Amino acid sequence: MNISENLVLQDNAPVALQIKNSLKQQITAIGLKQGQILKKHITTSPAILILLKGKLAFNMNDHITEIQVMDTFDIPADIPHEVKGLEESIFLLIKEK
């Protein structure tokens, strides 16, 4: 599967493409256009974000971290956070189950 061919960005909302969903992990590709926001939410299990394209602002505990292409970012469980596309962006989200 080619992620950029199968993940079609939308003007009205972020998009997600399920890559893998097994008993142990879930891998999802997420796309944001510039300025789009994944509104504040939590994950119930630890996750890692891997940025494939673009630039992101990751806001957790009122601290903003800029994430660049090929950066990884650990997301702890049960901590509210939001993600903003500073550029058109595609990232992988890998969650433990």
N, C-alpha and C. Protein backbone atom coordinates (compact mmCIF):
# COMPACT_ATOMS: atom_id res chain seq x y z
N MET A 1 0.85 -1.19 0.00
CA MET A 1 0.00 0.00 0.00
C MET A 1 0.89 1.24 0.00
N ASN A 2 0.53 2.21 -0.83
CA ASN A 2 1.21 3.48 -0.84
C ASN A 2 0.34 4.48 -0.06
N ILE A 3 0.90 4.99 1.04
CA ILE A 3 0.12 5.86 1.92
C ILE A 3 -0.33 7.13 1.20
N SER A 4 0.59 7.79 0.47
CA SER A 4 0.19 9.06 -0.15
C SER A 4 -0.83 8.88 -1.26
N GLU A 5 -0.90 7.72 -1.88
CA GLU A 5 -1.93 7.48 -2.89
C GLU A 5 -3.29 7.17 -2.26
N ASN A 6 -3.29 6.59 -1.06
CA ASN A 6 -4.54 6.16 -0.43
C ASN A 6 -5.08 7.12 0.63
N LEU A 7 -4.28 8.07 1.04
CA LEU A 7 -4.70 9.04 2.06
C LEU A 7 -4.98 10.36 1.34
N VAL A 8 -6.24 10.65 1.07
CA VAL A 8 -6.63 11.85 0.33
C VAL A 8 -7.04 12.92 1.33
N LEU A 9 -6.24 13.99 1.38
CA LEU A 9 -6.52 15.07 2.33
C LEU A 9 -7.81 15.79 1.95
N GLN A 10 -8.54 16.22 2.98
CA GLN A 10 -9.83 16.89 2.80
C GLN A 10 -9.73 18.32 3.34
N ASP A 11 -10.49 19.23 2.76
CA ASP A 11 -10.50 20.61 3.23
C ASP A 11 -11.21 20.78 4.57
N ASN A 12 -12.21 19.93 4.83
CA ASN A 12 -13.08 20.16 5.99
C ASN A 12 -12.67 19.45 7.26
N ALA A 13 -11.75 18.46 7.18
CA ALA A 13 -11.40 17.71 8.39
C ALA A 13 -10.15 16.87 8.16
N PRO A 14 -9.43 16.54 9.24
CA PRO A 14 -8.31 15.60 9.12
C PRO A 14 -8.82 14.25 8.60
N VAL A 15 -7.93 13.48 8.00
CA VAL A 15 -8.29 12.16 7.48
C VAL A 15 -7.38 11.10 8.08
N ALA A 16 -7.91 9.87 8.15
CA ALA A 16 -7.16 8.76 8.71
C ALA A 16 -7.27 7.55 7.78
N LEU A 17 -6.20 6.78 7.74
CA LEU A 17 -6.14 5.57 6.94
C LEU A 17 -5.59 4.46 7.81
N GLN A 18 -6.40 3.43 8.05
CA GLN A 18 -5.97 2.30 8.87
C GLN A 18 -4.92 1.48 8.09
N ILE A 19 -3.75 1.30 8.69
CA ILE A 19 -2.68 0.53 8.07
C ILE A 19 -2.68 -0.90 8.63
N LYS A 20 -2.78 -1.01 9.95
CA LYS A 20 -2.77 -2.32 10.62
C LYS A 20 -3.55 -2.21 11.91
N ASN A 21 -4.30 -3.28 12.22
CA ASN A 21 -5.03 -3.33 13.48
C ASN A 21 -4.99 -4.78 13.96
N SER A 22 -4.09 -5.06 14.91
CA SER A 22 -3.93 -6.42 15.43
C SER A 22 -4.21 -6.42 16.92
N LEU A 23 -4.04 -7.57 17.54
CA LEU A 23 -4.27 -7.68 18.99
C LEU A 23 -3.26 -6.87 19.78
N LYS A 24 -2.07 -6.61 19.22
CA LYS A 24 -1.01 -5.93 19.96
C LYS A 24 -0.79 -4.48 19.58
N GLN A 25 -1.14 -4.10 18.34
CA GLN A 25 -0.90 -2.72 17.94
C GLN A 25 -1.86 -2.26 16.86
N GLN A 26 -1.95 -0.94 16.79
CA GLN A 26 -2.77 -0.28 15.77
C GLN A 26 -1.88 0.76 15.09
N ILE A 27 -1.82 0.73 13.75
CA ILE A 27 -1.04 1.70 13.00
C ILE A 27 -2.00 2.45 12.07
N THR A 28 -1.98 3.77 12.20
CA THR A 28 -2.87 4.62 11.42
C THR A 28 -2.06 5.74 10.79
N ALA A 29 -2.31 6.02 9.53
CA ALA A 29 -1.75 7.20 8.87
C ALA A 29 -2.79 8.31 8.98
N ILE A 30 -2.34 9.51 9.37
CA ILE A 30 -3.24 10.65 9.54
C ILE A 30 -2.72 11.80 8.69
N GLY A 31 -3.64 12.47 8.01
CA GLY A 31 -3.28 13.61 7.17
C GLY A 31 -3.99 14.87 7.62
N LEU A 32 -3.24 15.95 7.67
CA LEU A 32 -3.78 17.27 8.02
C LEU A 32 -3.35 18.27 6.96
N LYS A 33 -4.28 19.10 6.52
CA LYS A 33 -3.91 20.23 5.69
C LYS A 33 -3.35 21.33 6.60
N GLN A 34 -2.66 22.28 6.01
CA GLN A 34 -2.11 23.38 6.79
C GLN A 34 -3.23 24.07 7.57
N GLY A 35 -3.03 24.24 8.86
CA GLY A 35 -4.01 24.90 9.73
C GLY A 35 -5.04 23.97 10.35
N GLN A 36 -5.18 22.75 9.85
CA GLN A 36 -6.14 21.81 10.44
C GLN A 36 -5.65 21.33 11.81
N ILE A 37 -6.61 21.02 12.66
CA ILE A 37 -6.31 20.61 14.03
C ILE A 37 -7.02 19.31 14.37
N LEU A 38 -6.27 18.38 14.96
CA LEU A 38 -6.89 17.24 15.64
C LEU A 38 -7.21 17.75 17.03
N LYS A 39 -8.47 17.99 17.30
CA LYS A 39 -8.87 18.62 18.55
C LYS A 39 -8.42 17.81 19.76
N LYS A 40 -8.35 18.48 20.89
CA LYS A 40 -7.84 17.89 22.13
C LYS A 40 -8.53 16.56 22.41
N HIS A 41 -7.72 15.55 22.67
CA HIS A 41 -8.20 14.19 22.93
C HIS A 41 -7.14 13.46 23.76
N ILE A 42 -7.45 12.24 24.16
CA ILE A 42 -6.49 11.40 24.87
C ILE A 42 -6.40 10.05 24.17
N THR A 43 -5.30 9.36 24.41
CA THR A 43 -5.17 7.98 24.01
C THR A 43 -5.12 7.14 25.29
N THR A 44 -5.77 6.01 25.27
CA THR A 44 -5.81 5.17 26.48
C THR A 44 -4.60 4.25 26.59
N SER A 45 -3.75 4.25 25.56
CA SER A 45 -2.52 3.47 25.61
C SER A 45 -1.39 4.30 25.00
N PRO A 46 -0.15 4.05 25.39
CA PRO A 46 0.97 4.81 24.83
C PRO A 46 1.01 4.69 23.31
N ALA A 47 1.53 5.75 22.67
CA ALA A 47 1.62 5.77 21.21
C ALA A 47 2.89 6.49 20.80
N ILE A 48 3.27 6.29 19.56
CA ILE A 48 4.38 7.04 18.98
C ILE A 48 3.92 7.64 17.67
N LEU A 49 4.27 8.90 17.47
CA LEU A 49 3.95 9.62 16.25
C LEU A 49 5.24 9.70 15.43
N ILE A 50 5.16 9.39 14.12
CA ILE A 50 6.29 9.50 13.21
C ILE A 50 5.85 10.38 12.05
N LEU A 51 6.50 11.54 11.90
CA LEU A 51 6.10 12.48 10.85
C LEU A 51 6.79 12.13 9.53
N LEU A 52 5.98 11.85 8.52
CA LEU A 52 6.49 11.48 7.20
C LEU A 52 6.60 12.69 6.26
N LYS A 53 5.70 13.67 6.43
CA LYS A 53 5.65 14.82 5.53
C LYS A 53 5.12 16.02 6.29
N GLY A 54 5.68 17.21 6.05
CA GLY A 54 5.14 18.44 6.61
C GLY A 54 5.79 18.87 7.91
N LYS A 55 5.01 19.58 8.71
CA LYS A 55 5.45 20.07 10.02
C LYS A 55 4.24 20.17 10.92
N LEU A 56 4.38 19.76 12.18
CA LEU A 56 3.28 19.74 13.14
C LEU A 56 3.61 20.56 14.38
N ALA A 57 2.57 21.04 15.04
CA ALA A 57 2.67 21.59 16.39
C ALA A 57 1.90 20.65 17.30
N PHE A 58 2.59 20.05 18.25
CA PHE A 58 1.97 19.10 19.18
C PHE A 58 1.82 19.82 20.52
N ASN A 59 0.58 19.98 20.99
CA ASN A 59 0.30 20.71 22.22
C ASN A 59 -0.13 19.73 23.31
N MET A 60 0.70 19.65 24.36
CA MET A 60 0.39 18.77 25.51
C MET A 60 0.78 19.53 26.78
N ASN A 61 -0.15 19.60 27.72
CA ASN A 61 0.08 20.32 28.98
C ASN A 61 0.49 21.77 28.73
N ASP A 62 -0.15 22.41 27.74
CA ASP A 62 0.12 23.80 27.36
C ASP A 62 1.57 24.03 26.94
N HIS A 63 2.25 22.97 26.51
CA HIS A 63 3.59 23.08 25.95
C HIS A 63 3.53 22.62 24.50
N ILE A 64 3.99 23.48 23.60
CA ILE A 64 3.94 23.17 22.16
C ILE A 64 5.31 22.71 21.69
N THR A 65 5.33 21.54 21.05
CA THR A 65 6.54 20.99 20.45
C THR A 65 6.36 20.97 18.95
N GLU A 66 7.31 21.57 18.22
CA GLU A 66 7.27 21.49 16.76
C GLU A 66 7.91 20.18 16.34
N ILE A 67 7.22 19.47 15.47
CA ILE A 67 7.69 18.17 14.99
C ILE A 67 8.01 18.33 13.51
N GLN A 68 9.22 17.93 13.14
CA GLN A 68 9.73 18.04 11.77
C GLN A 68 9.68 16.68 11.08
N VAL A 69 9.84 16.68 9.75
CA VAL A 69 9.86 15.45 8.96
C VAL A 69 10.89 14.48 9.52
N MET A 70 10.47 13.23 9.67
CA MET A 70 11.26 12.10 10.17
C MET A 70 11.50 12.14 11.68
N ASP A 71 10.90 13.10 12.39
CA ASP A 71 10.94 13.11 13.86
C ASP A 71 9.98 12.07 14.39
N THR A 72 10.29 11.56 15.56
CA THR A 72 9.37 10.71 16.32
C THR A 72 9.00 11.45 17.59
N PHE A 73 7.81 11.14 18.11
CA PHE A 73 7.35 11.78 19.33
C PHE A 73 6.53 10.78 20.13
N ASP A 74 6.92 10.55 21.39
CA ASP A 74 6.21 9.62 22.27
C ASP A 74 5.00 10.32 22.87
N ILE A 75 3.85 9.67 22.78
CA ILE A 75 2.60 10.21 23.33
C ILE A 75 2.19 9.32 24.50
N PRO A 76 2.19 9.84 25.72
CA PRO A 76 1.79 9.03 26.87
C PRO A 76 0.28 8.82 26.91
N ALA A 77 -0.14 7.79 27.60
CA ALA A 77 -1.56 7.51 27.78
C ALA A 77 -2.19 8.52 28.74
N ASP A 78 -3.45 8.79 28.52
CA ASP A 78 -4.30 9.56 29.43
C ASP A 78 -3.88 11.02 29.64
N ILE A 79 -3.13 11.59 28.71
CA ILE A 79 -2.76 13.00 28.78
C ILE A 79 -3.42 13.73 27.61
N PRO A 80 -4.29 14.72 27.89
CA PRO A 80 -4.93 15.44 26.79
C PRO A 80 -3.90 16.14 25.90
N HIS A 81 -4.13 16.08 24.58
CA HIS A 81 -3.21 16.72 23.63
C HIS A 81 -3.97 17.03 22.35
N GLU A 82 -3.39 17.95 21.55
CA GLU A 82 -3.93 18.24 20.23
C GLU A 82 -2.77 18.43 19.26
N VAL A 83 -3.08 18.25 17.98
CA VAL A 83 -2.07 18.32 16.93
C VAL A 83 -2.55 19.27 15.85
N LYS A 84 -1.67 20.19 15.43
CA LYS A 84 -2.01 21.15 14.38
C LYS A 84 -1.03 20.99 13.22
N GLY A 85 -1.55 21.00 12.02
CA GLY A 85 -0.71 20.97 10.83
C GLY A 85 -0.18 22.36 10.54
N LEU A 86 1.13 22.56 10.69
CA LEU A 86 1.74 23.84 10.35
C LEU A 86 1.98 23.93 8.85
N GLU A 87 2.04 22.75 8.22
CA GLU A 87 2.10 22.60 6.77
C GLU A 87 1.21 21.40 6.45
N GLU A 88 0.97 21.15 5.18
CA GLU A 88 0.27 19.93 4.81
C GLU A 88 1.11 18.76 5.33
N SER A 89 0.52 17.88 6.13
CA SER A 89 1.30 16.88 6.86
C SER A 89 0.67 15.50 6.81
N ILE A 90 1.53 14.49 6.83
CA ILE A 90 1.12 13.10 6.96
C ILE A 90 2.00 12.46 8.03
N PHE A 91 1.36 11.77 8.98
CA PHE A 91 2.14 11.10 10.02
C PHE A 91 1.54 9.74 10.34
N LEU A 92 2.40 8.89 10.88
CA LEU A 92 1.96 7.59 11.36
C LEU A 92 1.73 7.68 12.85
N LEU A 93 0.70 7.02 13.32
CA LEU A 93 0.42 6.90 14.74
C LEU A 93 0.43 5.41 15.06
N ILE A 94 1.35 5.00 15.91
CA ILE A 94 1.48 3.59 16.29
C ILE A 94 1.12 3.48 17.76
N LYS A 95 0.02 2.75 18.02
CA LYS A 95 -0.50 2.60 19.38
C LYS A 95 -0.35 1.16 19.86
N GLU A 96 0.13 1.03 21.08
CA GLU A 96 0.16 -0.28 21.72
C GLU A 96 -1.24 -0.59 22.23
N LYS A 97 -1.54 -1.88 22.29
CA LYS A 97 -2.85 -2.28 22.84
C LYS A 97 -2.66 -3.05 24.13
